[in-house]
Amino acid sequence: FDILGDVKDLSILDLACGQGYLSRILARKGAKVVGVDLSVKMLEIAQDSEASEPLGVKYIQCNSGDMSEVVDSSM
């Protein structure tokens, strides 16, 4: 993930974040991350990881075709 360069203090939207693997890597590197996924089950796994090791990642369940919910809740 070094190809991403310095992500510290960047705001990153991780679409189709699944279990939050990439979201958590980016958060460990100092990014402010919002993970979005349609699957409630995948987000439950991501939120469990966040609960056991808090990194400040926010997870939102929605269809990526309707980003108004994401914009309203994360900005």
PDB file of N, CA and C in Angstrom:
ATOM      1  N   PHE A   1       0.803  -1.201   0.000  1.00  0.00           N
ATOM      2  CA  PHE A   1       0.000   0.000   0.000  1.00  0.00           C
ATOM      3  C   PHE A   1       0.847   1.267   0.000  1.00  0.00           C
ATOM      4  N   ASP A   2       2.135   1.116  -0.156  1.00  0.00           N
ATOM      5  CA  ASP A   2       3.008   2.283  -0.235  1.00  0.00           C
ATOM      6  C   ASP A   2       2.715   3.127  -1.473  1.00  0.00           C
ATOM      7  N   ILE A   3       2.113   2.515  -2.483  1.00  0.00           N
ATOM      8  CA  ILE A   3       1.801   3.236  -3.716  1.00  0.00           C
ATOM      9  C   ILE A   3       0.848   4.403  -3.453  1.00  0.00           C
ATOM     10  N   LEU A   4       0.089   4.335  -2.364  1.00  0.00           N
ATOM     11  CA  LEU A   4      -0.857   5.397  -2.033  1.00  0.00           C
ATOM     12  C   LEU A   4      -0.171   6.657  -1.527  1.00  0.00           C
ATOM     13  N   GLY A   5       1.059   6.517  -1.090  1.00  0.00           N
ATOM     14  CA  GLY A   5       1.773   7.669  -0.549  1.00  0.00           C
ATOM     15  C   GLY A   5       1.249   8.044   0.827  1.00  0.00           C
ATOM     16  N   ASP A   6       1.450   9.295   1.186  1.00  0.00           N
ATOM     17  CA  ASP A   6       1.049   9.786   2.502  1.00  0.00           C
ATOM     18  C   ASP A   6      -0.441  10.115   2.494  1.00  0.00           C
ATOM     19  N   VAL A   7      -1.207   9.410   3.308  1.00  0.00           N
ATOM     20  CA  VAL A   7      -2.645   9.660   3.396  1.00  0.00           C
ATOM     21  C   VAL A   7      -3.029  10.337   4.709  1.00  0.00           C
ATOM     22  N   LYS A   8      -2.030  10.671   5.516  1.00  0.00           N
ATOM     23  CA  LYS A   8      -2.295  11.283   6.821  1.00  0.00           C
ATOM     24  C   LYS A   8      -3.161  12.531   6.659  1.00  0.00           C
ATOM     25  N   ASP A   9      -4.219  12.582   7.444  1.00  0.00           N
ATOM     26  CA  ASP A   9      -5.171  13.702   7.487  1.00  0.00           C
ATOM     27  C   ASP A   9      -6.033  13.855   6.235  1.00  0.00           C
ATOM     28  N   LEU A  10      -5.951  12.918   5.288  1.00  0.00           N
ATOM     29  CA  LEU A  10      -6.852  12.956   4.140  1.00  0.00           C
ATOM     30  C   LEU A  10      -8.192  12.349   4.536  1.00  0.00           C
ATOM     31  N   SER A  11      -9.272  12.830   3.922  1.00  0.00           N
ATOM     32  CA  SER A  11     -10.596  12.233   4.098  1.00  0.00           C
ATOM     33  C   SER A  11     -10.813  11.279   2.936  1.00  0.00           C
ATOM     34  N   ILE A  12     -11.041  10.001   3.266  1.00  0.00           N
ATOM     35  CA  ILE A  12     -11.144   8.974   2.232  1.00  0.00           C
ATOM     36  C   ILE A  12     -12.474   8.244   2.355  1.00  0.00           C
ATOM     37  N   LEU A  13     -13.152   8.084   1.221  1.00  0.00           N
ATOM     38  CA  LEU A  13     -14.389   7.324   1.141  1.00  0.00           C
ATOM     39  C   LEU A  13     -14.059   5.978   0.516  1.00  0.00           C
ATOM     40  N   ASP A  14     -14.270   4.914   1.266  1.00  0.00           N
ATOM     41  CA  ASP A  14     -13.986   3.557   0.794  1.00  0.00           C
ATOM     42  C   ASP A  14     -15.301   2.909   0.378  1.00  0.00           C
ATOM     43  N   LEU A  15     -15.608   2.979  -0.935  1.00  0.00           N
ATOM     44  CA  LEU A  15     -16.840   2.386  -1.460  1.00  0.00           C
ATOM     45  C   LEU A  15     -16.701   0.880  -1.567  1.00  0.00           C
ATOM     46  N   ALA A  16     -17.772   0.181  -1.251  1.00  0.00           N
ATOM     47  CA  ALA A  16     -17.768  -1.283  -1.241  1.00  0.00           C
ATOM     48  C   ALA A  16     -16.660  -1.781  -0.316  1.00  0.00           C
ATOM     49  N   CYS A  17     -16.650  -1.247   0.895  1.00  0.00           N
ATOM     50  CA  CYS A  17     -15.567  -1.515   1.845  1.00  0.00           C
ATOM     51  C   CYS A  17     -15.580  -2.931   2.407  1.00  0.00           C
ATOM     52  N   GLY A  18     -16.680  -3.646   2.235  1.00  0.00           N
ATOM     53  CA  GLY A  18     -16.730  -5.021   2.734  1.00  0.00           C
ATOM     54  C   GLY A  18     -16.475  -5.097   4.221  1.00  0.00           C
ATOM     55  N   GLN A  19     -15.505  -5.903   4.608  1.00  0.00           N
ATOM     56  CA  GLN A  19     -15.176  -6.100   6.017  1.00  0.00           C
ATOM     57  C   GLN A  19     -14.306  -4.980   6.586  1.00  0.00           C
ATOM     58  N   GLY A  20     -13.989  -3.993   5.776  1.00  0.00           N
ATOM     59  CA  GLY A  20     -13.237  -2.842   6.250  1.00  0.00           C
ATOM     60  C   GLY A  20     -11.728  -3.002   6.231  1.00  0.00           C
ATOM     61  N   TYR A  21     -11.228  -3.996   5.519  1.00  0.00           N
ATOM     62  CA  TYR A  21      -9.787  -4.264   5.496  1.00  0.00           C
ATOM     63  C   TYR A  21      -8.989  -3.034   5.052  1.00  0.00           C
ATOM     64  N   LEU A  22      -9.307  -2.495   3.881  1.00  0.00           N
ATOM     65  CA  LEU A  22      -8.576  -1.334   3.362  1.00  0.00           C
ATOM     66  C   LEU A  22      -8.868  -0.086   4.197  1.00  0.00           C
ATOM     67  N   SER A  23     -10.093   0.054   4.646  1.00  0.00           N
ATOM     68  CA  SER A  23     -10.452   1.204   5.496  1.00  0.00           C
ATOM     69  C   SER A  23      -9.556   1.266   6.718  1.00  0.00           C
ATOM     70  N   ARG A  24      -9.314   0.128   7.334  1.00  0.00           N
ATOM     71  CA  ARG A  24      -8.521   0.070   8.555  1.00  0.00           C
ATOM     72  C   ARG A  24      -7.038   0.317   8.270  1.00  0.00           C
ATOM     73  N   ILE A  25      -6.546  -0.162   7.144  1.00  0.00           N
ATOM     74  CA  ILE A  25      -5.155   0.120   6.766  1.00  0.00           C
ATOM     75  C   ILE A  25      -4.965   1.625   6.581  1.00  0.00           C
ATOM     76  N   LEU A  26      -5.895   2.246   5.876  1.00  0.00           N
ATOM     77  CA  LEU A  26      -5.809   3.687   5.640  1.00  0.00           C
ATOM     78  C   LEU A  26      -5.910   4.473   6.945  1.00  0.00           C
ATOM     79  N   ALA A  27      -6.780   4.038   7.844  1.00  0.00           N
ATOM     80  CA  ALA A  27      -6.918   4.716   9.137  1.00  0.00           C
ATOM     81  C   ALA A  27      -5.640   4.583   9.964  1.00  0.00           C
ATOM     82  N   ARG A  28      -5.005   3.429   9.907  1.00  0.00           N
ATOM     83  CA  ARG A  28      -3.734   3.245  10.628  1.00  0.00           C
ATOM     84  C   ARG A  28      -2.656   4.186  10.096  1.00  0.00           C
ATOM     85  N   LYS A  29      -2.779   4.568   8.823  1.00  0.00           N
ATOM     86  CA  LYS A  29      -1.814   5.486   8.215  1.00  0.00           C
ATOM     87  C   LYS A  29      -2.199   6.946   8.448  1.00  0.00           C
ATOM     88  N   GLY A  30      -3.270   7.169   9.220  1.00  0.00           N
ATOM     89  CA  GLY A  30      -3.635   8.523   9.601  1.00  0.00           C
ATOM     90  C   GLY A  30      -4.765   9.165   8.823  1.00  0.00           C
ATOM     91  N   ALA A  31      -5.388   8.425   7.918  1.00  0.00           N
ATOM     92  CA  ALA A  31      -6.505   8.979   7.149  1.00  0.00           C
ATOM     93  C   ALA A  31      -7.788   8.964   7.973  1.00  0.00           C
ATOM     94  N   LYS A  32      -8.693   9.870   7.623  1.00  0.00           N
ATOM     95  CA  LYS A  32     -10.045   9.876   8.186  1.00  0.00           C
ATOM     96  C   LYS A  32     -10.913   9.127   7.181  1.00  0.00           C
ATOM     97  N   VAL A  33     -11.429   7.964   7.578  1.00  0.00           N
ATOM     98  CA  VAL A  33     -12.052   7.060   6.619  1.00  0.00           C
ATOM     99  C   VAL A  33     -13.529   6.836   6.929  1.00  0.00           C
ATOM    100  N   VAL A  34     -14.331   6.881   5.856  1.00  0.00           N
ATOM    101  CA  VAL A  34     -15.722   6.461   5.911  1.00  0.00           C
ATOM    102  C   VAL A  34     -15.843   5.278   4.963  1.00  0.00           C
ATOM    103  N   GLY A  35     -16.280   4.145   5.491  1.00  0.00           N
ATOM    104  CA  GLY A  35     -16.483   2.946   4.687  1.00  0.00           C
ATOM    105  C   GLY A  35     -17.957   2.764   4.382  1.00  0.00           C
ATOM    106  N   VAL A  36     -18.273   2.491   3.121  1.00  0.00           N
ATOM    107  CA  VAL A  36     -19.656   2.321   2.680  1.00  0.00           C
ATOM    108  C   VAL A  36     -19.802   0.952   2.035  1.00  0.00           C
ATOM    109  N   ASP A  37     -20.859   0.248   2.412  1.00  0.00           N
ATOM    110  CA  ASP A  37     -21.133  -1.045   1.795  1.00  0.00           C
ATOM    111  C   ASP A  37     -22.632  -1.301   1.840  1.00  0.00           C
ATOM    112  N   LEU A  38     -23.118  -2.092   0.909  1.00  0.00           N
ATOM    113  CA  LEU A  38     -24.528  -2.462   0.869  1.00  0.00           C
ATOM    114  C   LEU A  38     -24.830  -3.594   1.842  1.00  0.00           C
ATOM    115  N   SER A  39     -23.853  -4.447   2.098  1.00  0.00           N
ATOM    116  CA  SER A  39     -24.057  -5.645   2.918  1.00  0.00           C
ATOM    117  C   SER A  39     -24.009  -5.351   4.416  1.00  0.00           C
ATOM    118  N   VAL A  40     -25.122  -5.584   5.073  1.00  0.00           N
ATOM    119  CA  VAL A  40     -25.190  -5.404   6.523  1.00  0.00           C
ATOM    120  C   VAL A  40     -24.231  -6.365   7.217  1.00  0.00           C
ATOM    121  N   LYS A  41     -24.159  -7.598   6.734  1.00  0.00           N
ATOM    122  CA  LYS A  41     -23.284  -8.601   7.367  1.00  0.00           C
ATOM    123  C   LYS A  41     -21.812  -8.204   7.279  1.00  0.00           C
ATOM    124  N   MET A  42     -21.388  -7.714   6.134  1.00  0.00           N
ATOM    125  CA  MET A  42     -20.000  -7.272   5.988  1.00  0.00           C
ATOM    126  C   MET A  42     -19.705  -6.103   6.918  1.00  0.00           C
ATOM    127  N   LEU A  43     -20.638  -5.174   7.014  1.00  0.00           N
ATOM    128  CA  LEU A  43     -20.439  -4.024   7.890  1.00  0.00           C
ATOM    129  C   LEU A  43     -20.427  -4.424   9.362  1.00  0.00           C
ATOM    130  N   GLU A  44     -21.179  -5.448   9.724  1.00  0.00           N
ATOM    131  CA  GLU A  44     -21.133  -5.942  11.106  1.00  0.00           C
ATOM    132  C   GLU A  44     -19.733  -6.442  11.440  1.00  0.00           C
ATOM    133  N   ILE A  45     -19.114  -7.141  10.498  1.00  0.00           N
ATOM    134  CA  ILE A  45     -17.742  -7.622  10.702  1.00  0.00           C
ATOM    135  C   ILE A  45     -16.790  -6.431  10.830  1.00  0.00           C
ATOM    136  N   ALA A  46     -16.955  -5.448   9.943  1.00  0.00           N
ATOM    137  CA  ALA A  46     -16.107  -4.250   9.989  1.00  0.00           C
ATOM    138  C   ALA A  46     -16.277  -3.512  11.317  1.00  0.00           C
ATOM    139  N   GLN A  47     -17.503  -3.384  11.779  1.00  0.00           N
ATOM    140  CA  GLN A  47     -17.765  -2.678  13.036  1.00  0.00           C
ATOM    141  C   GLN A  47     -17.240  -3.459  14.237  1.00  0.00           C
ATOM    142  N   ASP A  48     -17.268  -4.791  14.157  1.00  0.00           N
ATOM    143  CA  ASP A  48     -16.670  -5.603  15.226  1.00  0.00           C
ATOM    144  C   ASP A  48     -15.168  -5.347  15.310  1.00  0.00           C
ATOM    145  N   SER A  49     -14.517  -5.253  14.160  1.00  0.00           N
ATOM    146  CA  SER A  49     -13.081  -4.949  14.135  1.00  0.00           C
ATOM    147  C   SER A  49     -12.817  -3.566  14.713  1.00  0.00           C
ATOM    148  N   GLU A  50     -13.668  -2.622  14.375  1.00  0.00           N
ATOM    149  CA  GLU A  50     -13.523  -1.258  14.894  1.00  0.00           C
ATOM    150  C   GLU A  50     -13.726  -1.231  16.407  1.00  0.00           C
ATOM    151  N   ALA A  51     -14.646  -2.044  16.904  1.00  0.00           N
ATOM    152  CA  ALA A  51     -14.902  -2.083  18.348  1.00  0.00           C
ATOM    153  C   ALA A  51     -13.717  -2.672  19.109  1.00  0.00           C
ATOM    154  N   SER A  52     -13.064  -3.679  18.517  1.00  0.00           N
ATOM    155  CA  SER A  52     -11.942  -4.311  19.218  1.00  0.00           C
ATOM    156  C   SER A  52     -10.636  -3.533  19.069  1.00  0.00           C
ATOM    157  N   GLU A  53     -10.512  -2.738  18.008  1.00  0.00           N
ATOM    158  CA  GLU A  53      -9.336  -1.877  17.816  1.00  0.00           C
ATOM    159  C   GLU A  53      -9.809  -0.553  17.209  1.00  0.00           C
ATOM    160  N   PRO A  54     -10.257   0.381  18.043  1.00  0.00           N
ATOM    161  CA  PRO A  54     -10.811   1.633  17.523  1.00  0.00           C
ATOM    162  C   PRO A  54      -9.782   2.466  16.748  1.00  0.00           C
ATOM    163  N   LEU A  55     -10.129   2.772  15.506  1.00  0.00           N
ATOM    164  CA  LEU A  55      -9.274   3.603  14.657  1.00  0.00           C
ATOM    165  C   LEU A  55     -10.028   4.834  14.154  1.00  0.00           C
ATOM    166  N   GLY A  56     -11.289   4.949  14.524  1.00  0.00           N
ATOM    167  CA  GLY A  56     -12.085   6.096  14.095  1.00  0.00           C
ATOM    168  C   GLY A  56     -12.738   5.942  12.742  1.00  0.00           C
ATOM    169  N   VAL A  57     -12.775   4.710  12.213  1.00  0.00           N
ATOM    170  CA  VAL A  57     -13.430   4.487  10.925  1.00  0.00           C
ATOM    171  C   VAL A  57     -14.940   4.501  11.141  1.00  0.00           C
ATOM    172  N   LYS A  58     -15.640   5.238  10.286  1.00  0.00           N
ATOM    173  CA  LYS A  58     -17.099   5.286  10.340  1.00  0.00           C
ATOM    174  C   LYS A  58     -17.633   4.421   9.210  1.00  0.00           C
ATOM    175  N   TYR A  59     -18.582   3.548   9.525  1.00  0.00           N
ATOM    176  CA  TYR A  59     -19.162   2.662   8.516  1.00  0.00           C
ATOM    177  C   TYR A  59     -20.622   3.011   8.294  1.00  0.00           C
ATOM    178  N   ILE A  60     -21.023   3.049   7.016  1.00  0.00           N
ATOM    179  CA  ILE A  60     -22.387   3.390   6.641  1.00  0.00           C
ATOM    180  C   ILE A  60     -22.911   2.339   5.675  1.00  0.00           C
ATOM    181  N   GLN A  61     -24.129   1.879   5.921  1.00  0.00           N
ATOM    182  CA  GLN A  61     -24.767   0.910   5.037  1.00  0.00           C
ATOM    183  C   GLN A  61     -25.655   1.667   4.061  1.00  0.00           C
ATOM    184  N   CYS A  62     -25.333   1.583   2.776  1.00  0.00           N
ATOM    185  CA  CYS A  62     -26.196   2.168   1.752  1.00  0.00           C
ATOM    186  C   CYS A  62     -25.754   1.680   0.379  1.00  0.00           C
ATOM    187  N   ASN A  63     -26.597   1.935  -0.585  1.00  0.00           N
ATOM    188  CA  ASN A  63     -26.313   1.632  -1.975  1.00  0.00           C
ATOM    189  C   ASN A  63     -25.425   2.749  -2.519  1.00  0.00           C
ATOM    190  N   SER A  64     -24.344   2.400  -3.168  1.00  0.00           N
ATOM    191  CA  SER A  64     -23.422   3.426  -3.669  1.00  0.00           C
ATOM    192  C   SER A  64     -24.058   4.305  -4.740  1.00  0.00           C
ATOM    193  N   GLY A  65     -25.212   3.896  -5.260  1.00  0.00           N
ATOM    194  CA  GLY A  65     -25.934   4.724  -6.221  1.00  0.00           C
ATOM    195  C   GLY A  65     -26.650   5.896  -5.568  1.00  0.00           C
ATOM    196  N   ASP A  66     -26.818   5.848  -4.242  1.00  0.00           N
ATOM    197  CA  ASP A  66     -27.477   6.925  -3.500  1.00  0.00           C
ATOM    198  C   ASP A  66     -26.524   7.441  -2.436  1.00  0.00           C
ATOM    199  N   MET A  67     -25.643   8.330  -2.835  1.00  0.00           N
ATOM    200  CA  MET A  67     -24.611   8.819  -1.926  1.00  0.00           C
ATOM    201  C   MET A  67     -25.084   9.978  -1.050  1.00  0.00           C
ATOM    202  N   SER A  68     -26.330  10.422  -1.203  1.00  0.00           N
ATOM    203  CA  SER A  68     -26.814  11.535  -0.387  1.00  0.00           C
ATOM    204  C   SER A  68     -26.766  11.191   1.095  1.00  0.00           C
ATOM    205  N   GLU A  69     -27.050   9.940   1.435  1.00  0.00           N
ATOM    206  CA  GLU A  69     -26.990   9.506   2.833  1.00  0.00           C
ATOM    207  C   GLU A  69     -25.568   9.617   3.376  1.00  0.00           C
ATOM    208  N   VAL A  70     -24.600   9.265   2.568  1.00  0.00           N
ATOM    209  CA  VAL A  70     -23.199   9.323   2.986  1.00  0.00           C
ATOM    210  C   VAL A  70     -22.771  10.773   3.169  1.00  0.00           C
ATOM    211  N   VAL A  71     -23.097  11.622   2.221  1.00  0.00           N
ATOM    212  CA  VAL A  71     -22.720  13.032   2.302  1.00  0.00           C
ATOM    213  C   VAL A  71     -23.361  13.678   3.520  1.00  0.00           C
ATOM    214  N   ASP A  72     -24.635  13.406   3.753  1.00  0.00           N
ATOM    215  CA  ASP A  72     -25.337  13.999   4.891  1.00  0.00           C
ATOM    216  C   ASP A  72     -24.745  13.578   6.225  1.00  0.00           C
ATOM    217  N   SER A  73     -24.323  12.331   6.346  1.00  0.00           N
ATOM    218  CA  SER A  73     -23.881  11.837   7.648  1.00  0.00           C
ATOM    219  C   SER A  73     -22.387  11.985   7.891  1.00  0.00           C
ATOM    220  N   SER A  74     -21.606  12.242   6.862  1.00  0.00           N
ATOM    221  CA  SER A  74     -20.158  12.289   7.074  1.00  0.00           C
ATOM    222  C   SER A  74     -19.560  13.682   6.929  1.00  0.00           C
ATOM    223  N   MET A  75     -20.312  14.639   6.481  1.00  0.00           N
ATOM    224  CA  MET A  75     -19.762  15.980   6.266  1.00  0.00           C
ATOM    225  C   MET A  75     -20.166  16.928   7.368  1.00  0.00           C
TER     226      MET A  75
END
